[in-house]
């Protein structure tokens, strides 16, 4: 199956909330599998950076005029994204643990599931 066909099939079977959940699940799984490694380990650095880039992308989307979330929620999530970026940088230097990043991601995933039920 070509990449284009795969993306088309994925787009027709996943709504945006499901896609966000899937991405958070994949990134969080990577963080969990690397949480006990030394921060100099390339796979650990990749996991932290992947998580940081996910949050930067989310932050950019939240800052856009066409984002449909309420202003208060957008502001809270942007603040959280800024915290994730700062904590990630500390974690990459070995000055912070990955557990708080994992916890934040799990909370977001739980929120996505609960929002889907509403």
PDB file of N, CA and C in Angstrom:
ATOM      1  N   UNK A   1       0.849  -1.173   0.000  1.00  0.00           N
ATOM      2  CA  UNK A   1       0.000   0.000   0.000  1.00  0.00           C
ATOM      3  C   UNK A   1       0.896   1.239   0.000  1.00  0.00           C
ATOM      4  N   UNK A   2       0.603   2.193  -0.844  1.00  0.00           N
ATOM      5  CA  UNK A   2       1.417   3.403  -0.907  1.00  0.00           C
ATOM      6  C   UNK A   2       1.158   4.278   0.318  1.00  0.00           C
ATOM      7  N   UNK A   3       2.095   5.168   0.593  1.00  0.00           N
ATOM      8  CA  UNK A   3       1.962   6.070   1.734  1.00  0.00           C
ATOM      9  C   UNK A   3       0.711   6.929   1.580  1.00  0.00           C
ATOM     10  N   UNK A   4       0.452   7.397   0.375  1.00  0.00           N
ATOM     11  CA  UNK A   4      -0.732   8.235   0.127  1.00  0.00           C
ATOM     12  C   UNK A   4      -2.011   7.475   0.462  1.00  0.00           C
ATOM     13  N   UNK A   5      -2.107   6.238   0.008  1.00  0.00           N
ATOM     14  CA  UNK A   5      -3.299   5.439   0.288  1.00  0.00           C
ATOM     15  C   UNK A   5      -3.439   5.175   1.781  1.00  0.00           C
ATOM     16  N   UNK A   6      -2.309   4.940   2.460  1.00  0.00           N
ATOM     17  CA  UNK A   6      -2.335   4.719   3.901  1.00  0.00           C
ATOM     18  C   UNK A   6      -2.868   5.956   4.618  1.00  0.00           C
ATOM     19  N   UNK A   7      -2.349   7.122   4.251  1.00  0.00           N
ATOM     20  CA  UNK A   7      -2.799   8.359   4.885  1.00  0.00           C
ATOM     21  C   UNK A   7      -4.271   8.622   4.594  1.00  0.00           C
ATOM     22  N   UNK A   8      -4.709   8.329   3.394  1.00  0.00           N
ATOM     23  CA  UNK A   8      -6.116   8.505   3.039  1.00  0.00           C
ATOM     24  C   UNK A   8      -6.995   7.583   3.872  1.00  0.00           C
ATOM     25  N   UNK A   9      -6.590   6.326   3.991  1.00  0.00           N
ATOM     26  CA  UNK A   9      -7.362   5.372   4.798  1.00  0.00           C
ATOM     27  C   UNK A   9      -7.392   5.797   6.251  1.00  0.00           C
ATOM     28  N   UNK A  10      -6.268   6.278   6.747  1.00  0.00           N
ATOM     29  CA  UNK A  10      -6.195   6.716   8.133  1.00  0.00           C
ATOM     30  C   UNK A  10      -7.097   7.930   8.352  1.00  0.00           C
ATOM     31  N   UNK A  11      -7.081   8.867   7.426  1.00  0.00           N
ATOM     32  CA  UNK A  11      -7.879  10.076   7.568  1.00  0.00           C
ATOM     33  C   UNK A  11      -9.372   9.773   7.568  1.00  0.00           C
ATOM     34  N   UNK A  12      -9.775   8.725   6.881  1.00  0.00           N
ATOM     35  CA  UNK A  12     -11.201   8.412   6.829  1.00  0.00           C
ATOM     36  C   UNK A  12     -11.656   7.570   8.017  1.00  0.00           C
ATOM     37  N   UNK A  13     -10.735   7.003   8.772  1.00  0.00           N
ATOM     38  CA  UNK A  13     -11.127   6.158   9.898  1.00  0.00           C
ATOM     39  C   UNK A  13     -10.848   6.790  11.251  1.00  0.00           C
ATOM     40  N   UNK A  14     -10.089   7.848  11.320  1.00  0.00           N
ATOM     41  CA  UNK A  14      -9.748   8.508  12.574  1.00  0.00           C
ATOM     42  C   UNK A  14     -10.249   9.930  12.575  1.00  0.00           C
ATOM     43  N   UNK A  15     -10.881  10.326  13.682  1.00  0.00           N
ATOM     44  CA  UNK A  15     -11.213  11.742  13.810  1.00  0.00           C
ATOM     45  C   UNK A  15     -10.014  12.441  14.460  1.00  0.00           C
ATOM     46  N   UNK A  16      -9.968  13.768  14.463  1.00  0.00           N
ATOM     47  CA  UNK A  16      -8.802  14.478  15.007  1.00  0.00           C
ATOM     48  C   UNK A  16      -8.481  14.113  16.458  1.00  0.00           C
ATOM     49  N   UNK A  17      -9.497  13.927  17.280  1.00  0.00           N
ATOM     50  CA  UNK A  17      -9.279  13.576  18.690  1.00  0.00           C
ATOM     51  C   UNK A  17      -8.606  12.204  18.792  1.00  0.00           C
ATOM     52  N   UNK A  18      -9.022  11.261  17.947  1.00  0.00           N
ATOM     53  CA  UNK A  18      -8.407   9.932  17.942  1.00  0.00           C
ATOM     54  C   UNK A  18      -6.952  10.007  17.477  1.00  0.00           C
ATOM     55  N   UNK A  19      -6.698  10.849  16.498  1.00  0.00           N
ATOM     56  CA  UNK A  19      -5.327  11.023  16.014  1.00  0.00           C
ATOM     57  C   UNK A  19      -4.443  11.608  17.108  1.00  0.00           C
ATOM     58  N   UNK A  20      -4.962  12.623  17.816  1.00  0.00           N
ATOM     59  CA  UNK A  20      -4.206  13.208  18.922  1.00  0.00           C
ATOM     60  C   UNK A  20      -3.927  12.160  19.989  1.00  0.00           C
ATOM     61  N   UNK A  21      -4.927  11.367  20.322  1.00  0.00           N
ATOM     62  CA  UNK A  21      -4.749  10.330  21.330  1.00  0.00           C
ATOM     63  C   UNK A  21      -3.676   9.337  20.889  1.00  0.00           C
ATOM     64  N   UNK A  22      -3.761   8.898  19.650  1.00  0.00           N
ATOM     65  CA  UNK A  22      -2.793   7.930  19.130  1.00  0.00           C
ATOM     66  C   UNK A  22      -1.375   8.484  19.200  1.00  0.00           C
ATOM     67  N   UNK A  23      -1.203   9.748  18.817  1.00  0.00           N
ATOM     68  CA  UNK A  23       0.129  10.358  18.862  1.00  0.00           C
ATOM     69  C   UNK A  23       0.646  10.455  20.291  1.00  0.00           C
ATOM     70  N   UNK A  24      -0.216  10.897  21.204  1.00  0.00           N
ATOM     71  CA  UNK A  24       0.205  10.971  22.607  1.00  0.00           C
ATOM     72  C   UNK A  24       0.548   9.588  23.138  1.00  0.00           C
ATOM     73  N   UNK A  25      -0.228   8.576  22.747  1.00  0.00           N
ATOM     74  CA  UNK A  25       0.041   7.213  23.206  1.00  0.00           C
ATOM     75  C   UNK A  25       1.394   6.727  22.701  1.00  0.00           C
ATOM     76  N   UNK A  26       1.713   6.982  21.445  1.00  0.00           N
ATOM     77  CA  UNK A  26       2.989   6.546  20.877  1.00  0.00           C
ATOM     78  C   UNK A  26       4.168   7.260  21.541  1.00  0.00           C
ATOM     79  N   UNK A  27       4.032   8.562  21.723  1.00  0.00           N
ATOM     80  CA  UNK A  27       5.111   9.340  22.346  1.00  0.00           C
ATOM     81  C   UNK A  27       5.290   8.916  23.802  1.00  0.00           C
ATOM     82  N   UNK A  28       4.178   8.750  24.506  1.00  0.00           N
ATOM     83  CA  UNK A  28       4.248   8.370  25.912  1.00  0.00           C
ATOM     84  C   UNK A  28       4.858   6.984  26.075  1.00  0.00           C
ATOM     85  N   UNK A  29       4.508   6.069  25.201  1.00  0.00           N
ATOM     86  CA  UNK A  29       5.107   4.727  25.235  1.00  0.00           C
ATOM     87  C   UNK A  29       6.624   4.819  25.068  1.00  0.00           C
ATOM     88  N   UNK A  30       7.069   5.685  24.191  1.00  0.00           N
ATOM     89  CA  UNK A  30       8.501   5.873  23.977  1.00  0.00           C
ATOM     90  C   UNK A  30       9.165   6.450  25.231  1.00  0.00           C
ATOM     91  N   UNK A  31       8.509   7.416  25.868  1.00  0.00           N
ATOM     92  CA  UNK A  31       9.056   7.978  27.108  1.00  0.00           C
ATOM     93  C   UNK A  31       9.154   6.908  28.194  1.00  0.00           C
ATOM     94  N   UNK A  32       8.092   6.113  28.321  1.00  0.00           N
ATOM     95  CA  UNK A  32       8.076   5.066  29.347  1.00  0.00           C
ATOM     96  C   UNK A  32       9.198   4.060  29.117  1.00  0.00           C
ATOM     97  N   UNK A  33       9.391   3.666  27.877  1.00  0.00           N
ATOM     98  CA  UNK A  33      10.426   2.656  27.602  1.00  0.00           C
ATOM     99  C   UNK A  33      11.837   3.217  27.771  1.00  0.00           C
ATOM    100  N   UNK A  34      11.973   4.537  27.866  1.00  0.00           N
ATOM    101  CA  UNK A  34      13.293   5.153  28.018  1.00  0.00           C
ATOM    102  C   UNK A  34      13.496   5.825  29.372  1.00  0.00           C
ATOM    103  N   UNK A  35      12.501   5.756  30.250  1.00  0.00           N
ATOM    104  CA  UNK A  35      12.569   6.541  31.490  1.00  0.00           C
ATOM    105  C   UNK A  35      13.709   6.153  32.423  1.00  0.00           C
ATOM    106  N   UNK A  36      14.178   4.929  32.351  1.00  0.00           N
ATOM    107  CA  UNK A  36      15.250   4.495  33.247  1.00  0.00           C
ATOM    108  C   UNK A  36      16.629   4.516  32.594  1.00  0.00           C
ATOM    109  N   UNK A  37      16.688   4.982  31.368  1.00  0.00           N
ATOM    110  CA  UNK A  37      17.977   5.039  30.667  1.00  0.00           C
ATOM    111  C   UNK A  37      18.728   6.316  31.037  1.00  0.00           C
ATOM    112  N   UNK A  38      20.024   6.271  30.824  1.00  0.00           N
ATOM    113  CA  UNK A  38      20.848   7.461  31.001  1.00  0.00           C
ATOM    114  C   UNK A  38      20.451   8.495  29.949  1.00  0.00           C
ATOM    115  N   UNK A  39      20.486   9.744  30.329  1.00  0.00           N
ATOM    116  CA  UNK A  39      20.079  10.799  29.402  1.00  0.00           C
ATOM    117  C   UNK A  39      21.020  10.953  28.210  1.00  0.00           C
ATOM    118  N   UNK A  40      22.184  10.354  28.277  1.00  0.00           N
ATOM    119  CA  UNK A  40      23.094  10.408  27.123  1.00  0.00           C
ATOM    120  C   UNK A  40      22.720   9.371  26.078  1.00  0.00           C
ATOM    121  N   UNK A  41      21.831   8.446  26.424  1.00  0.00           N
ATOM    122  CA  UNK A  41      21.394   7.415  25.481  1.00  0.00           C
ATOM    123  C   UNK A  41      20.634   8.086  24.332  1.00  0.00           C
ATOM    124  N   UNK A  42      21.040   7.837  23.086  1.00  0.00           N
ATOM    125  CA  UNK A  42      20.380   8.493  21.947  1.00  0.00           C
ATOM    126  C   UNK A  42      18.879   8.221  21.858  1.00  0.00           C
ATOM    127  N   UNK A  43      18.455   7.017  22.218  1.00  0.00           N
ATOM    128  CA  UNK A  43      17.023   6.703  22.160  1.00  0.00           C
ATOM    129  C   UNK A  43      16.238   7.502  23.196  1.00  0.00           C
ATOM    130  N   UNK A  44      16.846   7.726  24.344  1.00  0.00           N
ATOM    131  CA  UNK A  44      16.194   8.519  25.388  1.00  0.00           C
ATOM    132  C   UNK A  44      16.055   9.970  24.928  1.00  0.00           C
ATOM    133  N   UNK A  45      17.110  10.504  24.388  1.00  0.00           N
ATOM    134  CA  UNK A  45      17.067  11.887  23.878  1.00  0.00           C
ATOM    135  C   UNK A  45      16.016  12.004  22.772  1.00  0.00           C
ATOM    136  N   UNK A  46      15.952  11.014  21.877  1.00  0.00           N
ATOM    137  CA  UNK A  46      14.958  11.031  20.801  1.00  0.00           C
ATOM    138  C   UNK A  46      13.543  11.024  21.358  1.00  0.00           C
ATOM    139  N   UNK A  47      13.294  10.229  22.393  1.00  0.00           N
ATOM    140  CA  UNK A  47      11.958  10.156  22.990  1.00  0.00           C
ATOM    141  C   UNK A  47      11.560  11.496  23.609  1.00  0.00           C
ATOM    142  N   UNK A  48      12.489  12.096  24.344  1.00  0.00           N
ATOM    143  CA  UNK A  48      12.206  13.391  24.972  1.00  0.00           C
ATOM    144  C   UNK A  48      11.966  14.447  23.902  1.00  0.00           C
ATOM    145  N   UNK A  49      12.801  14.462  22.875  1.00  0.00           N
ATOM    146  CA  UNK A  49      12.651  15.456  21.810  1.00  0.00           C
ATOM    147  C   UNK A  49      11.357  15.256  21.039  1.00  0.00           C
ATOM    148  N   UNK A  50      10.973  14.014  20.795  1.00  0.00           N
ATOM    149  CA  UNK A  50       9.717  13.725  20.092  1.00  0.00           C
ATOM    150  C   UNK A  50       8.549  14.290  20.903  1.00  0.00           C
ATOM    151  N   UNK A  51       8.567  14.058  22.203  1.00  0.00           N
ATOM    152  CA  UNK A  51       7.518  14.592  23.061  1.00  0.00           C
ATOM    153  C   UNK A  51       7.509  16.113  23.020  1.00  0.00           C
ATOM    154  N   UNK A  52       8.678  16.723  23.094  1.00  0.00           N
ATOM    155  CA  UNK A  52       8.790  18.185  23.054  1.00  0.00           C
ATOM    156  C   UNK A  52       8.252  18.741  21.743  1.00  0.00           C
ATOM    157  N   UNK A  53       8.577  18.082  20.645  1.00  0.00           N
ATOM    158  CA  UNK A  53       8.099  18.540  19.334  1.00  0.00           C
ATOM    159  C   UNK A  53       6.581  18.380  19.199  1.00  0.00           C
ATOM    160  N   UNK A  54       6.035  17.308  19.775  1.00  0.00           N
ATOM    161  CA  UNK A  54       4.579  17.137  19.778  1.00  0.00           C
ATOM    162  C   UNK A  54       3.921  18.309  20.489  1.00  0.00           C
ATOM    163  N   UNK A  55       4.448  18.673  21.643  1.00  0.00           N
ATOM    164  CA  UNK A  55       3.870  19.774  22.408  1.00  0.00           C
ATOM    165  C   UNK A  55       4.071  21.127  21.720  1.00  0.00           C
ATOM    166  N   UNK A  56       5.195  21.317  21.064  1.00  0.00           N
ATOM    167  CA  UNK A  56       5.421  22.566  20.318  1.00  0.00           C
ATOM    168  C   UNK A  56       4.408  22.676  19.182  1.00  0.00           C
ATOM    169  N   UNK A  57       4.152  21.563  18.505  1.00  0.00           N
ATOM    170  CA  UNK A  57       3.158  21.547  17.428  1.00  0.00           C
ATOM    171  C   UNK A  57       1.777  21.849  17.983  1.00  0.00           C
ATOM    172  N   UNK A  58       1.452  21.232  19.104  1.00  0.00           N
ATOM    173  CA  UNK A  58       0.174  21.489  19.755  1.00  0.00           C
ATOM    174  C   UNK A  58       0.056  22.961  20.149  1.00  0.00           C
ATOM    175  N   UNK A  59       1.122  23.506  20.705  1.00  0.00           N
ATOM    176  CA  UNK A  59       1.128  24.909  21.102  1.00  0.00           C
ATOM    177  C   UNK A  59       0.880  25.821  19.904  1.00  0.00           C
ATOM    178  N   UNK A  60       1.514  25.523  18.804  1.00  0.00           N
ATOM    179  CA  UNK A  60       1.330  26.315  17.594  1.00  0.00           C
ATOM    180  C   UNK A  60      -0.112  26.247  17.112  1.00  0.00           C
ATOM    181  N   UNK A  61      -0.703  25.050  17.139  1.00  0.00           N
ATOM    182  CA  UNK A  61      -2.091  24.886  16.738  1.00  0.00           C
ATOM    183  C   UNK A  61      -3.028  25.653  17.674  1.00  0.00           C
ATOM    184  N   UNK A  62      -2.760  25.581  18.961  1.00  0.00           N
ATOM    185  CA  UNK A  62      -3.600  26.265  19.942  1.00  0.00           C
ATOM    186  C   UNK A  62      -3.548  27.781  19.787  1.00  0.00           C
ATOM    187  N   UNK A  63      -2.416  28.299  19.337  1.00  0.00           N
ATOM    188  CA  UNK A  63      -2.250  29.740  19.174  1.00  0.00           C
ATOM    189  C   UNK A  63      -2.917  30.264  17.911  1.00  0.00           C
ATOM    190  N   UNK A  64      -3.308  29.364  17.019  1.00  0.00           N
ATOM    191  CA  UNK A  64      -3.917  29.779  15.764  1.00  0.00           C
ATOM    192  C   UNK A  64      -5.324  30.338  15.951  1.00  0.00           C
ATOM    193  N   UNK A  65      -5.670  31.274  15.117  1.00  0.00           N
ATOM    194  CA  UNK A  65      -6.993  31.911  15.171  1.00  0.00           C
ATOM    195  C   UNK A  65      -8.130  30.931  14.919  1.00  0.00           C
ATOM    196  N   UNK A  66      -7.870  29.905  14.141  1.00  0.00           N
ATOM    197  CA  UNK A  66      -8.932  28.975  13.758  1.00  0.00           C
ATOM    198  C   UNK A  66      -9.080  27.798  14.725  1.00  0.00           C
ATOM    199  N   UNK A  67      -8.343  27.812  15.841  1.00  0.00           N
ATOM    200  CA  UNK A  67      -8.480  26.744  16.827  1.00  0.00           C
ATOM    201  C   UNK A  67      -9.841  26.860  17.505  1.00  0.00           C
ATOM    202  N   UNK A  68     -10.543  25.737  17.620  1.00  0.00           N
ATOM    203  CA  UNK A  68     -11.908  25.750  18.122  1.00  0.00           C
ATOM    204  C   UNK A  68     -12.062  25.618  19.626  1.00  0.00           C
ATOM    205  N   UNK A  69     -10.965  25.413  20.356  1.00  0.00           N
ATOM    206  CA  UNK A  69     -11.075  25.281  21.806  1.00  0.00           C
ATOM    207  C   UNK A  69     -11.413  26.619  22.454  1.00  0.00           C
ATOM    208  N   UNK A  70     -12.103  26.601  23.583  1.00  0.00           N
ATOM    209  CA  UNK A  70     -12.381  27.850  24.319  1.00  0.00           C
ATOM    210  C   UNK A  70     -11.071  28.526  24.741  1.00  0.00           C
ATOM    211  N   UNK A  71     -11.098  29.849  24.829  1.00  0.00           N
ATOM    212  CA  UNK A  71      -9.888  30.615  25.134  1.00  0.00           C
ATOM    213  C   UNK A  71      -9.204  30.169  26.426  1.00  0.00           C
ATOM    214  N   UNK A  72      -9.986  29.899  27.474  1.00  0.00           N
ATOM    215  CA  UNK A  72      -9.393  29.511  28.749  1.00  0.00           C
ATOM    216  C   UNK A  72      -8.644  28.181  28.635  1.00  0.00           C
ATOM    217  N   UNK A  73      -9.234  27.220  27.952  1.00  0.00           N
ATOM    218  CA  UNK A  73      -8.583  25.928  27.759  1.00  0.00           C
ATOM    219  C   UNK A  73      -7.336  26.085  26.900  1.00  0.00           C
ATOM    220  N   UNK A  74      -7.445  26.892  25.871  1.00  0.00           N
ATOM    221  CA  UNK A  74      -6.277  27.130  25.018  1.00  0.00           C
ATOM    222  C   UNK A  74      -5.125  27.705  25.830  1.00  0.00           C
ATOM    223  N   UNK A  75      -5.425  28.686  26.669  1.00  0.00           N
ATOM    224  CA  UNK A  75      -4.386  29.318  27.487  1.00  0.00           C
ATOM    225  C   UNK A  75      -3.759  28.311  28.446  1.00  0.00           C
ATOM    226  N   UNK A  76      -4.572  27.467  29.053  1.00  0.00           N
ATOM    227  CA  UNK A  76      -4.052  26.459  29.977  1.00  0.00           C
ATOM    228  C   UNK A  76      -3.145  25.467  29.250  1.00  0.00           C
ATOM    229  N   UNK A  77      -3.568  25.029  28.079  1.00  0.00           N
ATOM    230  CA  UNK A  77      -2.766  24.067  27.320  1.00  0.00           C
ATOM    231  C   UNK A  77      -1.483  24.694  26.787  1.00  0.00           C
ATOM    232  N   UNK A  78      -1.531  25.961  26.408  1.00  0.00           N
ATOM    233  CA  UNK A  78      -0.316  26.656  25.961  1.00  0.00           C
ATOM    234  C   UNK A  78       0.665  26.772  27.122  1.00  0.00           C
ATOM    235  N   UNK A  79       0.164  27.107  28.304  1.00  0.00           N
ATOM    236  CA  UNK A  79       1.031  27.171  29.491  1.00  0.00           C
ATOM    237  C   UNK A  79       1.655  25.813  29.775  1.00  0.00           C
ATOM    238  N   UNK A  80       0.873  24.779  29.633  1.00  0.00           N
ATOM    239  CA  UNK A  80       1.378  23.421  29.841  1.00  0.00           C
ATOM    240  C   UNK A  80       2.445  23.077  28.799  1.00  0.00           C
ATOM    241  N   UNK A  81       2.220  23.485  27.571  1.00  0.00           N
ATOM    242  CA  UNK A  81       3.201  23.235  26.510  1.00  0.00           C
ATOM    243  C   UNK A  81       4.524  23.938  26.807  1.00  0.00           C
ATOM    244  N   UNK A  82       4.450  25.142  27.339  1.00  0.00           N
ATOM    245  CA  UNK A  82       5.666  25.875  27.704  1.00  0.00           C
ATOM    246  C   UNK A  82       6.402  25.139  28.823  1.00  0.00           C
ATOM    247  N   UNK A  83       5.635  24.645  29.815  1.00  0.00           N
ATOM    248  CA  UNK A  83       6.239  23.873  30.900  1.00  0.00           C
ATOM    249  C   UNK A  83       6.905  22.607  30.359  1.00  0.00           C
ATOM    250  N   UNK A  84       6.214  21.901  29.464  1.00  0.00           N
ATOM    251  CA  UNK A  84       6.772  20.665  28.881  1.00  0.00           C
ATOM    252  C   UNK A  84       8.093  20.970  28.173  1.00  0.00           C
ATOM    253  N   UNK A  85       8.139  22.062  27.444  1.00  0.00           N
ATOM    254  CA  UNK A  85       9.367  22.428  26.733  1.00  0.00           C
ATOM    255  C   UNK A  85      10.505  22.656  27.726  1.00  0.00           C
ATOM    256  N   UNK A  86      10.243  23.420  28.780  1.00  0.00           N
ATOM    257  CA  UNK A  86      11.283  23.698  29.778  1.00  0.00           C
ATOM    258  C   UNK A  86      11.715  22.425  30.504  1.00  0.00           C
ATOM    259  N   UNK A  87      10.750  21.614  30.902  1.00  0.00           N
ATOM    260  CA  UNK A  87      11.078  20.378  31.619  1.00  0.00           C
ATOM    261  C   UNK A  87      11.835  19.409  30.715  1.00  0.00           C
ATOM    262  N   UNK A  88      11.462  19.369  29.456  1.00  0.00           N
ATOM    263  CA  UNK A  88      12.142  18.496  28.499  1.00  0.00           C
ATOM    264  C   UNK A  88      13.611  18.876  28.357  1.00  0.00           C
ATOM    265  N   UNK A  89      13.862  20.158  28.294  1.00  0.00           N
ATOM    266  CA  UNK A  89      15.254  20.614  28.178  1.00  0.00           C
ATOM    267  C   UNK A  89      16.065  20.197  29.406  1.00  0.00           C
ATOM    268  N   UNK A  90      15.441  20.323  30.588  1.00  0.00           N
ATOM    269  CA  UNK A  90      16.115  19.883  31.815  1.00  0.00           C
ATOM    270  C   UNK A  90      16.343  18.372  31.786  1.00  0.00           C
ATOM    271  N   UNK A  91      15.346  17.634  31.336  1.00  0.00           N
ATOM    272  CA  UNK A  91      15.461  16.173  31.282  1.00  0.00           C
ATOM    273  C   UNK A  91      16.576  15.748  30.335  1.00  0.00           C
ATOM    274  N   UNK A  92      16.709  16.434  29.221  1.00  0.00           N
ATOM    275  CA  UNK A  92      17.768  16.093  28.267  1.00  0.00           C
ATOM    276  C   UNK A  92      19.156  16.336  28.856  1.00  0.00           C
ATOM    277  N   UNK A  93      19.232  17.284  29.802  1.00  0.00           N
ATOM    278  CA  UNK A  93      20.513  17.564  30.461  1.00  0.00           C
ATOM    279  C   UNK A  93      20.721  16.666  31.689  1.00  0.00           C
ATOM    280  N   UNK A  94      19.740  15.809  31.976  1.00  0.00           N
ATOM    281  CA  UNK A  94      19.836  14.931  33.131  1.00  0.00           C
ATOM    282  C   UNK A  94      19.463  15.607  34.436  1.00  0.00           C
ATOM    283  N   UNK A  95      18.814  16.772  34.359  1.00  0.00           N
ATOM    284  CA  UNK A  95      18.454  17.541  35.550  1.00  0.00           C
ATOM    285  C   UNK A  95      17.010  17.315  35.989  1.00  0.00           C
ATOM    286  N   UNK A  96      16.267  16.496  35.254  1.00  0.00           N
ATOM    287  CA  UNK A  96      14.868  16.243  35.587  1.00  0.00           C
ATOM    288  C   UNK A  96      14.489  14.844  35.125  1.00  0.00           C
ATOM    289  N   UNK A  97      13.499  14.296  35.788  1.00  0.00           N
ATOM    290  CA  UNK A  97      13.024  12.947  35.470  1.00  0.00           C
ATOM    291  C   UNK A  97      11.955  13.006  34.376  1.00  0.00           C
ATOM    292  N   UNK A  98      11.713  11.859  33.764  1.00  0.00           N
ATOM    293  CA  UNK A  98      10.694  11.772  32.715  1.00  0.00           C
ATOM    294  C   UNK A  98       9.292  11.547  33.279  1.00  0.00           C
ATOM    295  N   UNK A  99       9.190  11.101  34.519  1.00  0.00           N
ATOM    296  CA  UNK A  99       7.884  10.784  35.105  1.00  0.00           C
ATOM    297  C   UNK A  99       6.870  11.929  35.002  1.00  0.00           C
ATOM    298  N   UNK A 100       7.247  13.184  35.269  1.00  0.00           N
ATOM    299  CA  UNK A 100       6.253  14.256  35.131  1.00  0.00           C
ATOM    300  C   UNK A 100       5.747  14.427  33.693  1.00  0.00           C
ATOM    301  N   UNK A 101       6.616  14.236  32.718  1.00  0.00           N
ATOM    302  CA  UNK A 101       6.191  14.328  31.316  1.00  0.00           C
ATOM    303  C   UNK A 101       5.212  13.209  30.989  1.00  0.00           C
ATOM    304  N   UNK A 102       5.505  12.019  31.472  1.00  0.00           N
ATOM    305  CA  UNK A 102       4.626  10.870  31.258  1.00  0.00           C
ATOM    306  C   UNK A 102       3.274  11.131  31.907  1.00  0.00           C
ATOM    307  N   UNK A 103       3.289  11.656  33.115  1.00  0.00           N
ATOM    308  CA  UNK A 103       2.054  11.945  33.845  1.00  0.00           C
ATOM    309  C   UNK A 103       1.191  12.983  33.114  1.00  0.00           C
ATOM    310  N   UNK A 104       1.820  14.026  32.622  1.00  0.00           N
ATOM    311  CA  UNK A 104       1.090  15.064  31.885  1.00  0.00           C
ATOM    312  C   UNK A 104       0.468  14.469  30.626  1.00  0.00           C
ATOM    313  N   UNK A 105       1.240  13.684  29.898  1.00  0.00           N
ATOM    314  CA  UNK A 105       0.712  13.073  28.671  1.00  0.00           C
ATOM    315  C   UNK A 105      -0.462  12.156  28.971  1.00  0.00           C
ATOM    316  N   UNK A 106      -0.353  11.370  30.046  1.00  0.00           N
ATOM    317  CA  UNK A 106      -1.457  10.474  30.412  1.00  0.00           C
ATOM    318  C   UNK A 106      -2.711  11.280  30.765  1.00  0.00           C
ATOM    319  N   UNK A 107      -2.532  12.391  31.435  1.00  0.00           N
ATOM    320  CA  UNK A 107      -3.681  13.245  31.770  1.00  0.00           C
ATOM    321  C   UNK A 107      -4.346  13.788  30.508  1.00  0.00           C
ATOM    322  N   UNK A 108      -3.541  14.190  29.548  1.00  0.00           N
ATOM    323  CA  UNK A 108      -4.082  14.695  28.281  1.00  0.00           C
ATOM    324  C   UNK A 108      -4.825  13.566  27.557  1.00  0.00           C
ATOM    325  N   UNK A 109      -4.254  12.377  27.559  1.00  0.00           N
ATOM    326  CA  UNK A 109      -4.906  11.239  26.908  1.00  0.00           C
ATOM    327  C   UNK A 109      -6.245  10.938  27.579  1.00  0.00           C
ATOM    328  N   UNK A 110      -6.281  10.989  28.892  1.00  0.00           N
ATOM    329  CA  UNK A 110      -7.526  10.766  29.620  1.00  0.00           C
ATOM    330  C   UNK A 110      -8.561  11.828  29.256  1.00  0.00           C
ATOM    331  N   UNK A 111      -8.110  13.073  29.148  1.00  0.00           N
ATOM    332  CA  UNK A 111      -9.002  14.153  28.748  1.00  0.00           C
ATOM    333  C   UNK A 111      -9.548  13.954  27.344  1.00  0.00           C
ATOM    334  N   UNK A 112      -8.715  13.471  26.449  1.00  0.00           N
ATOM    335  CA  UNK A 112      -9.182  13.219  25.079  1.00  0.00           C
ATOM    336  C   UNK A 112     -10.235  12.118  25.049  1.00  0.00           C
ATOM    337  N   UNK A 113     -10.045  11.084  25.865  1.00  0.00           N
ATOM    338  CA  UNK A 113     -11.018  10.007  25.929  1.00  0.00           C
ATOM    339  C   UNK A 113     -12.328  10.517  26.511  1.00  0.00           C
ATOM    340  N   UNK A 114     -12.241  11.255  27.607  1.00  0.00           N
ATOM    341  CA  UNK A 114     -13.452  11.770  28.257  1.00  0.00           C
ATOM    342  C   UNK A 114     -14.184  12.778  27.390  1.00  0.00           C
ATOM    343  N   UNK A 115     -13.437  13.585  26.639  1.00  0.00           N
ATOM    344  CA  UNK A 115     -14.062  14.569  25.754  1.00  0.00           C
ATOM    345  C   UNK A 115     -14.809  13.862  24.613  1.00  0.00           C
ATOM    346  N   UNK A 116     -14.292  12.712  24.218  1.00  0.00           N
ATOM    347  CA  UNK A 116     -14.942  11.940  23.151  1.00  0.00           C
ATOM    348  C   UNK A 116     -16.260  11.349  23.585  1.00  0.00           C
ATOM    349  N   UNK A 117     -16.437  11.191  24.888  1.00  0.00           N
ATOM    350  CA  UNK A 117     -17.685  10.628  25.426  1.00  0.00           C
ATOM    351  C   UNK A 117     -18.758  11.688  25.609  1.00  0.00           C
ATOM    352  N   UNK A 118     -18.354  12.933  25.651  1.00  0.00           N
ATOM    353  CA  UNK A 118     -19.315  14.025  25.908  1.00  0.00           C
ATOM    354  C   UNK A 118     -20.206  14.297  24.719  1.00  0.00           C
TER     355      UNK A 118
END
